[in-house]
Amino acid sequence: MERSVLMEKETLSNRVAWIVGWIWAIIAGGGGVWYLWTKGPWMLTHGWFALCSGLSACPLTGQFLKRYAGVRMSGWVQIFVAALFFIAGKIALERGL
């Protein structure tokens, strides 16, 4: 059987990025939702940055972008963007923004 051109080649790197993305999404996204639920959504809190970080790392976000926006993002790029959200949140909250 011949593999379809549209099917991505599964590599160890892709699998690791997928697993890391889901772990990050569950921990950071879930923690962000929990923090917003307990502290409220109206102030700039760790919850917003954690939620955005979790959403950007989630593999479903990459699939959504690929399907509906025509943009293909690597799993590692998603994790990098998630880390940027995390760092931006730490900087913003440290400076009291």
PDB file of N, CA and C in Angstrom:
ATOM      1  N   MET A   1       0.824  -1.186   0.000  1.00  0.00           N
ATOM      2  CA  MET A   1       0.000   0.000   0.000  1.00  0.00           C
ATOM      3  C   MET A   1       0.865   1.245   0.000  1.00  0.00           C
ATOM      4  N   GLU A   2       0.483   2.193  -0.785  1.00  0.00           N
ATOM      5  CA  GLU A   2       1.224   3.441  -0.898  1.00  0.00           C
ATOM      6  C   GLU A   2       0.627   4.469   0.056  1.00  0.00           C
ATOM      7  N   ARG A   3       1.491   5.163   0.753  1.00  0.00           N
ATOM      8  CA  ARG A   3       1.013   6.200   1.669  1.00  0.00           C
ATOM      9  C   ARG A   3       0.573   7.417   0.884  1.00  0.00           C
ATOM     10  N   SER A   4      -0.465   8.034   1.349  1.00  0.00           N
ATOM     11  CA  SER A   4      -0.975   9.235   0.703  1.00  0.00           C
ATOM     12  C   SER A   4       0.000  10.384   0.899  1.00  0.00           C
ATOM     13  N   VAL A   5       0.046  11.270  -0.064  1.00  0.00           N
ATOM     14  CA  VAL A   5       0.920  12.434   0.015  1.00  0.00           C
ATOM     15  C   VAL A   5       0.470  13.348   1.142  1.00  0.00           C
ATOM     16  N   LEU A   6      -0.818  13.346   1.425  1.00  0.00           N
ATOM     17  CA  LEU A   6      -1.350  14.225   2.464  1.00  0.00           C
ATOM     18  C   LEU A   6      -1.033  13.757   3.874  1.00  0.00           C
ATOM     19  N   MET A   7      -0.726  12.482   4.017  1.00  0.00           N
ATOM     20  CA  MET A   7      -0.423  11.960   5.345  1.00  0.00           C
ATOM     21  C   MET A   7       0.988  12.368   5.749  1.00  0.00           C
ATOM     22  N   GLU A   8       1.119  12.857   6.956  1.00  0.00           N
ATOM     23  CA  GLU A   8       2.431  13.260   7.442  1.00  0.00           C
ATOM     24  C   GLU A   8       3.212  12.034   7.893  1.00  0.00           C
ATOM     25  N   LYS A   9       4.495  12.118   7.704  1.00  0.00           N
ATOM     26  CA  LYS A   9       5.354  11.037   8.139  1.00  0.00           C
ATOM     27  C   LYS A   9       5.501  11.111   9.662  1.00  0.00           C
ATOM     28  N   GLU A  10       5.203   9.996  10.309  1.00  0.00           N
ATOM     29  CA  GLU A  10       5.317   9.939  11.753  1.00  0.00           C
ATOM     30  C   GLU A  10       6.785   9.739  12.129  1.00  0.00           C
ATOM     31  N   THR A  11       7.308  10.673  12.877  1.00  0.00           N
ATOM     32  CA  THR A  11       8.671  10.544  13.376  1.00  0.00           C
ATOM     33  C   THR A  11       8.637  10.600  14.891  1.00  0.00           C
ATOM     34  N   LEU A  12       9.725  10.207  15.493  1.00  0.00           N
ATOM     35  CA  LEU A  12       9.816  10.245  16.945  1.00  0.00           C
ATOM     36  C   LEU A  12       9.691  11.678  17.453  1.00  0.00           C
ATOM     37  N   SER A  13      10.284  12.612  16.730  1.00  0.00           N
ATOM     38  CA  SER A  13      10.202  14.019  17.116  1.00  0.00           C
ATOM     39  C   SER A  13       8.763  14.523  17.116  1.00  0.00           C
ATOM     40  N   ASN A  14       7.986  14.148  16.093  1.00  0.00           N
ATOM     41  CA  ASN A  14       6.577  14.552  16.031  1.00  0.00           C
ATOM     42  C   ASN A  14       5.768  13.954  17.170  1.00  0.00           C
ATOM     43  N   ARG A  15       6.045  12.717  17.497  1.00  0.00           N
ATOM     44  CA  ARG A  15       5.321  12.060  18.591  1.00  0.00           C
ATOM     45  C   ARG A  15       5.647  12.702  19.927  1.00  0.00           C
ATOM     46  N   VAL A  16       6.916  13.018  20.142  1.00  0.00           N
ATOM     47  CA  VAL A  16       7.313  13.664  21.402  1.00  0.00           C
ATOM     48  C   VAL A  16       6.673  15.042  21.508  1.00  0.00           C
ATOM     49  N   ALA A  17       6.660  15.801  20.425  1.00  0.00           N
ATOM     50  CA  ALA A  17       6.025  17.125  20.431  1.00  0.00           C
ATOM     51  C   ALA A  17       4.534  16.996  20.712  1.00  0.00           C
ATOM     52  N   TRP A  18       3.894  15.989  20.161  1.00  0.00           N
ATOM     53  CA  TRP A  18       2.466  15.769  20.393  1.00  0.00           C
ATOM     54  C   TRP A  18       2.191  15.468  21.865  1.00  0.00           C
ATOM     55  N   ILE A  19       3.019  14.594  22.457  1.00  0.00           N
ATOM     56  CA  ILE A  19       2.846  14.229  23.869  1.00  0.00           C
ATOM     57  C   ILE A  19       3.117  15.424  24.771  1.00  0.00           C
ATOM     58  N   VAL A  20       4.206  16.139  24.519  1.00  0.00           N
ATOM     59  CA  VAL A  20       4.536  17.323  25.319  1.00  0.00           C
ATOM     60  C   VAL A  20       3.435  18.373  25.178  1.00  0.00           C
ATOM     61  N   GLY A  21       2.911  18.540  23.970  1.00  0.00           N
ATOM     62  CA  GLY A  21       1.839  19.502  23.746  1.00  0.00           C
ATOM     63  C   GLY A  21       0.600  19.187  24.557  1.00  0.00           C
ATOM     64  N   TRP A  22       0.208  17.926  24.585  1.00  0.00           N
ATOM     65  CA  TRP A  22      -0.970  17.550  25.366  1.00  0.00           C
ATOM     66  C   TRP A  22      -0.732  17.709  26.858  1.00  0.00           C
ATOM     67  N   ILE A  23       0.443  17.326  27.325  1.00  0.00           N
ATOM     68  CA  ILE A  23       0.744  17.486  28.753  1.00  0.00           C
ATOM     69  C   ILE A  23       0.703  18.957  29.130  1.00  0.00           C
ATOM     70  N   TRP A  24       1.333  19.799  28.311  1.00  0.00           N
ATOM     71  CA  TRP A  24       1.355  21.237  28.569  1.00  0.00           C
ATOM     72  C   TRP A  24      -0.063  21.807  28.537  1.00  0.00           C
ATOM     73  N   ALA A  25      -0.844  21.389  27.552  1.00  0.00           N
ATOM     74  CA  ALA A  25      -2.215  21.895  27.416  1.00  0.00           C
ATOM     75  C   ALA A  25      -3.062  21.530  28.627  1.00  0.00           C
ATOM     76  N   ILE A  26      -2.933  20.306  29.105  1.00  0.00           N
ATOM     77  CA  ILE A  26      -3.741  19.870  30.240  1.00  0.00           C
ATOM     78  C   ILE A  26      -3.314  20.578  31.520  1.00  0.00           C
ATOM     79  N   ILE A  27      -2.011  20.639  31.766  1.00  0.00           N
ATOM     80  CA  ILE A  27      -1.540  21.244  33.010  1.00  0.00           C
ATOM     81  C   ILE A  27      -1.703  22.758  32.989  1.00  0.00           C
ATOM     82  N   ALA A  28      -1.186  23.426  31.961  1.00  0.00           N
ATOM     83  CA  ALA A  28      -1.243  24.886  31.915  1.00  0.00           C
ATOM     84  C   ALA A  28      -2.661  25.380  31.631  1.00  0.00           C
ATOM     85  N   GLY A  29      -3.314  24.789  30.648  1.00  0.00           N
ATOM     86  CA  GLY A  29      -4.675  25.214  30.316  1.00  0.00           C
ATOM     87  C   GLY A  29      -5.649  24.930  31.439  1.00  0.00           C
ATOM     88  N   GLY A  30      -5.562  23.739  31.993  1.00  0.00           N
ATOM     89  CA  GLY A  30      -6.428  23.387  33.124  1.00  0.00           C
ATOM     90  C   GLY A  30      -6.149  24.237  34.348  1.00  0.00           C
ATOM     91  N   GLY A  31      -4.874  24.487  34.605  1.00  0.00           N
ATOM     92  CA  GLY A  31      -4.514  25.352  35.729  1.00  0.00           C
ATOM     93  C   GLY A  31      -4.986  26.778  35.526  1.00  0.00           C
ATOM     94  N   GLY A  32      -4.909  27.249  34.281  1.00  0.00           N
ATOM     95  CA  GLY A  32      -5.375  28.599  33.973  1.00  0.00           C
ATOM     96  C   GLY A  32      -6.871  28.741  34.168  1.00  0.00           C
ATOM     97  N   VAL A  33      -7.614  27.737  33.696  1.00  0.00           N
ATOM     98  CA  VAL A  33      -9.070  27.760  33.886  1.00  0.00           C
ATOM     99  C   VAL A  33      -9.407  27.717  35.371  1.00  0.00           C
ATOM    100  N   TRP A  34      -8.724  26.857  36.122  1.00  0.00           N
ATOM    101  CA  TRP A  34      -8.968  26.759  37.563  1.00  0.00           C
ATOM    102  C   TRP A  34      -8.659  28.091  38.257  1.00  0.00           C
ATOM    103  N   TYR A  35      -7.546  28.717  37.893  1.00  0.00           N
ATOM    104  CA  TYR A  35      -7.172  29.987  38.510  1.00  0.00           C
ATOM    105  C   TYR A  35      -8.198  31.074  38.188  1.00  0.00           C
ATOM    106  N   LEU A  36      -8.648  31.129  36.946  1.00  0.00           N
ATOM    107  CA  LEU A  36      -9.670  32.103  36.570  1.00  0.00           C
ATOM    108  C   LEU A  36     -10.989  31.824  37.283  1.00  0.00           C
ATOM    109  N   TRP A  37     -11.312  30.569  37.484  1.00  0.00           N
ATOM    110  CA  TRP A  37     -12.538  30.193  38.171  1.00  0.00           C
ATOM    111  C   TRP A  37     -12.492  30.632  39.638  1.00  0.00           C
ATOM    112  N   THR A  38     -11.341  30.467  40.285  1.00  0.00           N
ATOM    113  CA  THR A  38     -11.249  30.787  41.711  1.00  0.00           C
ATOM    114  C   THR A  38     -10.973  32.263  41.970  1.00  0.00           C
ATOM    115  N   LYS A  39     -10.200  32.926  41.123  1.00  0.00           N
ATOM    116  CA  LYS A  39      -9.819  34.327  41.362  1.00  0.00           C
ATOM    117  C   LYS A  39     -10.660  35.320  40.577  1.00  0.00           C
ATOM    118  N   GLY A  40     -11.345  34.863  39.558  1.00  0.00           N
ATOM    119  CA  GLY A  40     -12.149  35.761  38.733  1.00  0.00           C
ATOM    120  C   GLY A  40     -11.399  36.204  37.496  1.00  0.00           C
ATOM    121  N   PRO A  41     -12.138  36.518  36.434  1.00  0.00           N
ATOM    122  CA  PRO A  41     -11.505  36.817  35.151  1.00  0.00           C
ATOM    123  C   PRO A  41     -11.169  38.285  34.914  1.00  0.00           C
ATOM    124  N   TRP A  42     -11.478  39.168  35.828  1.00  0.00           N
ATOM    125  CA  TRP A  42     -11.415  40.583  35.505  1.00  0.00           C
ATOM    126  C   TRP A  42     -10.051  41.216  35.677  1.00  0.00           C
ATOM    127  N   MET A  43      -9.170  40.641  36.413  1.00  0.00           N
ATOM    128  CA  MET A  43      -7.826  41.210  36.553  1.00  0.00           C
ATOM    129  C   MET A  43      -6.846  40.429  35.687  1.00  0.00           C
ATOM    130  N   LEU A  44      -5.730  41.052  35.372  1.00  0.00           N
ATOM    131  CA  LEU A  44      -4.664  40.350  34.660  1.00  0.00           C
ATOM    132  C   LEU A  44      -4.018  39.396  35.658  1.00  0.00           C
ATOM    133  N   THR A  45      -4.259  38.110  35.471  1.00  0.00           N
ATOM    134  CA  THR A  45      -3.775  37.109  36.417  1.00  0.00           C
ATOM    135  C   THR A  45      -2.959  36.046  35.694  1.00  0.00           C
ATOM    136  N   HIS A  46      -2.367  35.202  36.495  1.00  0.00           N
ATOM    137  CA  HIS A  46      -1.644  34.052  35.938  1.00  0.00           C
ATOM    138  C   HIS A  46      -2.580  33.192  35.097  1.00  0.00           C
ATOM    139  N   GLY A  47      -3.849  33.185  35.425  1.00  0.00           N
ATOM    140  CA  GLY A  47      -4.811  32.341  34.733  1.00  0.00           C
ATOM    141  C   GLY A  47      -4.901  32.622  33.246  1.00  0.00           C
ATOM    142  N   TRP A  48      -4.918  33.896  32.866  1.00  0.00           N
ATOM    143  CA  TRP A  48      -5.015  34.244  31.447  1.00  0.00           C
ATOM    144  C   TRP A  48      -3.792  33.782  30.675  1.00  0.00           C
ATOM    145  N   PHE A  49      -2.616  34.013  31.241  1.00  0.00           N
ATOM    146  CA  PHE A  49      -1.391  33.603  30.557  1.00  0.00           C
ATOM    147  C   PHE A  49      -1.271  32.082  30.500  1.00  0.00           C
ATOM    148  N   ALA A  50      -1.662  31.411  31.580  1.00  0.00           N
ATOM    149  CA  ALA A  50      -1.609  29.949  31.581  1.00  0.00           C
ATOM    150  C   ALA A  50      -2.610  29.370  30.594  1.00  0.00           C
ATOM    151  N   LEU A  51      -3.801  29.956  30.529  1.00  0.00           N
ATOM    152  CA  LEU A  51      -4.806  29.480  29.585  1.00  0.00           C
ATOM    153  C   LEU A  51      -4.340  29.666  28.145  1.00  0.00           C
ATOM    154  N   CYS A  52      -3.802  30.820  27.819  1.00  0.00           N
ATOM    155  CA  CYS A  52      -3.292  31.061  26.456  1.00  0.00           C
ATOM    156  C   CYS A  52      -2.112  30.153  26.139  1.00  0.00           C
ATOM    157  N   SER A  53      -1.271  29.920  27.125  1.00  0.00           N
ATOM    158  CA  SER A  53      -0.138  29.025  26.941  1.00  0.00           C
ATOM    159  C   SER A  53      -0.622  27.600  26.659  1.00  0.00           C
ATOM    160  N   GLY A  54      -1.591  27.143  27.431  1.00  0.00           N
ATOM    161  CA  GLY A  54      -2.129  25.802  27.223  1.00  0.00           C
ATOM    162  C   GLY A  54      -2.823  25.646  25.887  1.00  0.00           C
ATOM    163  N   LEU A  55      -3.592  26.654  25.484  1.00  0.00           N
ATOM    164  CA  LEU A  55      -4.279  26.598  24.192  1.00  0.00           C
ATOM    165  C   LEU A  55      -3.303  26.596  23.027  1.00  0.00           C
ATOM    166  N   SER A  56      -2.236  27.367  23.143  1.00  0.00           N
ATOM    167  CA  SER A  56      -1.279  27.418  22.036  1.00  0.00           C
ATOM    168  C   SER A  56      -0.454  26.135  21.937  1.00  0.00           C
ATOM    169  N   ALA A  57      -0.272  25.416  23.032  1.00  0.00           N
ATOM    170  CA  ALA A  57       0.500  24.169  22.996  1.00  0.00           C
ATOM    171  C   ALA A  57      -0.350  22.967  22.592  1.00  0.00           C
ATOM    172  N   CYS A  58      -1.656  23.078  22.684  1.00  0.00           N
ATOM    173  CA  CYS A  58      -2.553  21.952  22.411  1.00  0.00           C
ATOM    174  C   CYS A  58      -2.457  21.510  20.945  1.00  0.00           C
ATOM    175  N   PRO A  59      -2.269  20.222  20.692  1.00  0.00           N
ATOM    176  CA  PRO A  59      -2.212  19.730  19.314  1.00  0.00           C
ATOM    177  C   PRO A  59      -3.490  19.993  18.517  1.00  0.00           C
ATOM    178  N   LEU A  60      -4.622  20.099  19.181  1.00  0.00           N
ATOM    179  CA  LEU A  60      -5.864  20.396  18.467  1.00  0.00           C
ATOM    180  C   LEU A  60      -5.840  21.793  17.866  1.00  0.00           C
ATOM    181  N   THR A  61      -5.124  22.720  18.494  1.00  0.00           N
ATOM    182  CA  THR A  61      -4.987  24.065  17.940  1.00  0.00           C
ATOM    183  C   THR A  61      -4.257  24.003  16.602  1.00  0.00           C
ATOM    184  N   GLY A  62      -3.211  23.198  16.532  1.00  0.00           N
ATOM    185  CA  GLY A  62      -2.478  23.031  15.276  1.00  0.00           C
ATOM    186  C   GLY A  62      -3.341  22.417  14.188  1.00  0.00           C
ATOM    187  N   GLN A  63      -4.146  21.419  14.556  1.00  0.00           N
ATOM    188  CA  GLN A  63      -5.040  20.804  13.577  1.00  0.00           C
ATOM    189  C   GLN A  63      -6.104  21.796  13.114  1.00  0.00           C
ATOM    190  N   PHE A  64      -6.628  22.591  14.036  1.00  0.00           N
ATOM    191  CA  PHE A  64      -7.624  23.606  13.704  1.00  0.00           C
ATOM    192  C   PHE A  64      -7.048  24.631  12.730  1.00  0.00           C
ATOM    193  N   LEU A  65      -5.838  25.108  13.019  1.00  0.00           N
ATOM    194  CA  LEU A  65      -5.202  26.079  12.127  1.00  0.00           C
ATOM    195  C   LEU A  65      -4.947  25.494  10.742  1.00  0.00           C
ATOM    196  N   LYS A  66      -4.536  24.244  10.708  1.00  0.00           N
ATOM    197  CA  LYS A  66      -4.256  23.593   9.429  1.00  0.00           C
ATOM    198  C   LYS A  66      -5.526  23.425   8.605  1.00  0.00           C
ATOM    199  N   ARG A  67      -6.594  23.025   9.257  1.00  0.00           N
ATOM    200  CA  ARG A  67      -7.833  22.744   8.543  1.00  0.00           C
ATOM    201  C   ARG A  67      -8.580  24.013   8.127  1.00  0.00           C
ATOM    202  N   TYR A  68      -8.708  24.971   9.030  1.00  0.00           N
ATOM    203  CA  TYR A  68      -9.575  26.114   8.767  1.00  0.00           C
ATOM    204  C   TYR A  68      -8.843  27.384   8.326  1.00  0.00           C
ATOM    205  N   ALA A  69      -7.575  27.512   8.642  1.00  0.00           N
ATOM    206  CA  ALA A  69      -6.833  28.710   8.247  1.00  0.00           C
ATOM    207  C   ALA A  69      -5.785  28.412   7.182  1.00  0.00           C
ATOM    208  N   GLY A  70      -5.538  27.137   6.933  1.00  0.00           N
ATOM    209  CA  GLY A  70      -4.551  26.770   5.929  1.00  0.00           C
ATOM    210  C   GLY A  70      -3.117  26.997   6.374  1.00  0.00           C
ATOM    211  N   VAL A  71      -2.905  27.092   7.677  1.00  0.00           N
ATOM    212  CA  VAL A  71      -1.575  27.341   8.235  1.00  0.00           C
ATOM    213  C   VAL A  71      -1.101  26.071   8.920  1.00  0.00           C
ATOM    214  N   ARG A  72       0.054  25.581   8.512  1.00  0.00           N
ATOM    215  CA  ARG A  72       0.619  24.378   9.140  1.00  0.00           C
ATOM    216  C   ARG A  72       1.684  24.795  10.140  1.00  0.00           C
ATOM    217  N   MET A  73       1.488  24.406  11.389  1.00  0.00           N
ATOM    218  CA  MET A  73       2.448  24.718  12.448  1.00  0.00           C
ATOM    219  C   MET A  73       3.046  23.432  12.990  1.00  0.00           C
ATOM    220  N   SER A  74       4.337  23.450  13.167  1.00  0.00           N
ATOM    221  CA  SER A  74       5.022  22.332  13.791  1.00  0.00           C
ATOM    222  C   SER A  74       4.643  22.275  15.273  1.00  0.00           C
ATOM    223  N   GLY A  75       4.658  21.087  15.822  1.00  0.00           N
ATOM    224  CA  GLY A  75       4.381  20.945  17.255  1.00  0.00           C
ATOM    225  C   GLY A  75       5.395  21.684  18.107  1.00  0.00           C
ATOM    226  N   TRP A  76       6.636  21.708  17.634  1.00  0.00           N
ATOM    227  CA  TRP A  76       7.671  22.404  18.395  1.00  0.00           C
ATOM    228  C   TRP A  76       7.477  23.917  18.342  1.00  0.00           C
ATOM    229  N   VAL A  77       6.955  24.431  17.247  1.00  0.00           N
ATOM    230  CA  VAL A  77       6.647  25.868  17.163  1.00  0.00           C
ATOM    231  C   VAL A  77       5.525  26.206  18.141  1.00  0.00           C
ATOM    232  N   GLN A  78       4.532  25.336  18.229  1.00  0.00           N
ATOM    233  CA  GLN A  78       3.447  25.559  19.176  1.00  0.00           C
ATOM    234  C   GLN A  78       3.962  25.586  20.611  1.00  0.00           C
ATOM    235  N   ILE A  79       4.873  24.689  20.935  1.00  0.00           N
ATOM    236  CA  ILE A  79       5.421  24.653  22.296  1.00  0.00           C
ATOM    237  C   ILE A  79       6.260  25.897  22.553  1.00  0.00           C
ATOM    238  N   PHE A  80       6.987  26.369  21.541  1.00  0.00           N
ATOM    239  CA  PHE A  80       7.768  27.597  21.674  1.00  0.00           C
ATOM    240  C   PHE A  80       6.850  28.793  21.939  1.00  0.00           C
ATOM    241  N   VAL A  81       5.743  28.886  21.205  1.00  0.00           N
ATOM    242  CA  VAL A  81       4.783  29.974  21.412  1.00  0.00           C
ATOM    243  C   VAL A  81       4.174  29.875  22.811  1.00  0.00           C
ATOM    244  N   ALA A  82       3.889  28.657  23.258  1.00  0.00           N
ATOM    245  CA  ALA A  82       3.357  28.462  24.604  1.00  0.00           C
ATOM    246  C   ALA A  82       4.350  28.937  25.654  1.00  0.00           C
ATOM    247  N   ALA A  83       5.626  28.644  25.442  1.00  0.00           N
ATOM    248  CA  ALA A  83       6.653  29.110  26.372  1.00  0.00           C
ATOM    249  C   ALA A  83       6.746  30.631  26.365  1.00  0.00           C
ATOM    250  N   LEU A  84       6.572  31.251  25.202  1.00  0.00           N
ATOM    251  CA  LEU A  84       6.575  32.720  25.139  1.00  0.00           C
ATOM    252  C   LEU A  84       5.416  33.312  25.937  1.00  0.00           C
ATOM    253  N   PHE A  85       4.233  32.711  25.842  1.00  0.00           N
ATOM    254  CA  PHE A  85       3.102  33.162  26.657  1.00  0.00           C
ATOM    255  C   PHE A  85       3.428  33.038  28.138  1.00  0.00           C
ATOM    256  N   PHE A  86       4.044  31.939  28.515  1.00  0.00           N
ATOM    257  CA  PHE A  86       4.408  31.708  29.908  1.00  0.00           C
ATOM    258  C   PHE A  86       5.388  32.775  30.391  1.00  0.00           C
ATOM    259  N   ILE A  87       6.420  33.036  29.597  1.00  0.00           N
ATOM    260  CA  ILE A  87       7.427  34.041  29.966  1.00  0.00           C
ATOM    261  C   ILE A  87       6.818  35.436  29.989  1.00  0.00           C
ATOM    262  N   ALA A  88       5.973  35.761  29.007  1.00  0.00           N
ATOM    263  CA  ALA A  88       5.314  37.071  28.986  1.00  0.00           C
ATOM    264  C   ALA A  88       4.442  37.261  30.213  1.00  0.00           C
ATOM    265  N   GLY A  89       3.770  36.212  30.638  1.00  0.00           N
ATOM    266  CA  GLY A  89       2.943  36.289  31.844  1.00  0.00           C
ATOM    267  C   GLY A  89       3.770  36.552  33.086  1.00  0.00           C
ATOM    268  N   LYS A  90       4.890  35.880  33.193  1.00  0.00           N
ATOM    269  CA  LYS A  90       5.769  36.100  34.351  1.00  0.00           C
ATOM    270  C   LYS A  90       6.292  37.537  34.367  1.00  0.00           C
ATOM    271  N   ILE A  91       6.709  38.048  33.212  1.00  0.00           N
ATOM    272  CA  ILE A  91       7.230  39.410  33.138  1.00  0.00           C
ATOM    273  C   ILE A  91       6.133  40.423  33.454  1.00  0.00           C
ATOM    274  N   ALA A  92       4.957  40.259  32.858  1.00  0.00           N
ATOM    275  CA  ALA A  92       3.863  41.211  33.056  1.00  0.00           C
ATOM    276  C   ALA A  92       3.418  41.246  34.525  1.00  0.00           C
ATOM    277  N   LEU A  93       3.318  40.087  35.136  1.00  0.00           N
ATOM    278  CA  LEU A  93       2.862  40.058  36.522  1.00  0.00           C
ATOM    279  C   LEU A  93       3.939  40.525  37.491  1.00  0.00           C
ATOM    280  N   GLU A  94       5.201  40.314  37.140  1.00  0.00           N
ATOM    281  CA  GLU A  94       6.284  40.797  37.981  1.00  0.00           C
ATOM    282  C   GLU A  94       6.344  42.321  37.996  1.00  0.00           C
ATOM    283  N   ARG A  95       6.046  42.916  36.846  1.00  0.00           N
ATOM    284  CA  ARG A  95       6.076  44.375  36.724  1.00  0.00           C
ATOM    285  C   ARG A  95       4.750  45.018  37.139  1.00  0.00           C
ATOM    286  N   GLY A  96       3.765  44.214  37.449  1.00  0.00           N
ATOM    287  CA  GLY A  96       2.500  44.745  37.919  1.00  0.00           C
ATOM    288  C   GLY A  96       1.615  45.311  36.836  1.00  0.00           C
ATOM    289  N   LEU A  97       1.733  44.813  35.625  1.00  0.00           N
ATOM    290  CA  LEU A  97       0.901  45.300  34.522  1.00  0.00           C
ATOM    291  C   LEU A  97      -0.486  44.721  34.580  1.00  0.00           C
TER     292      LEU A  97
END
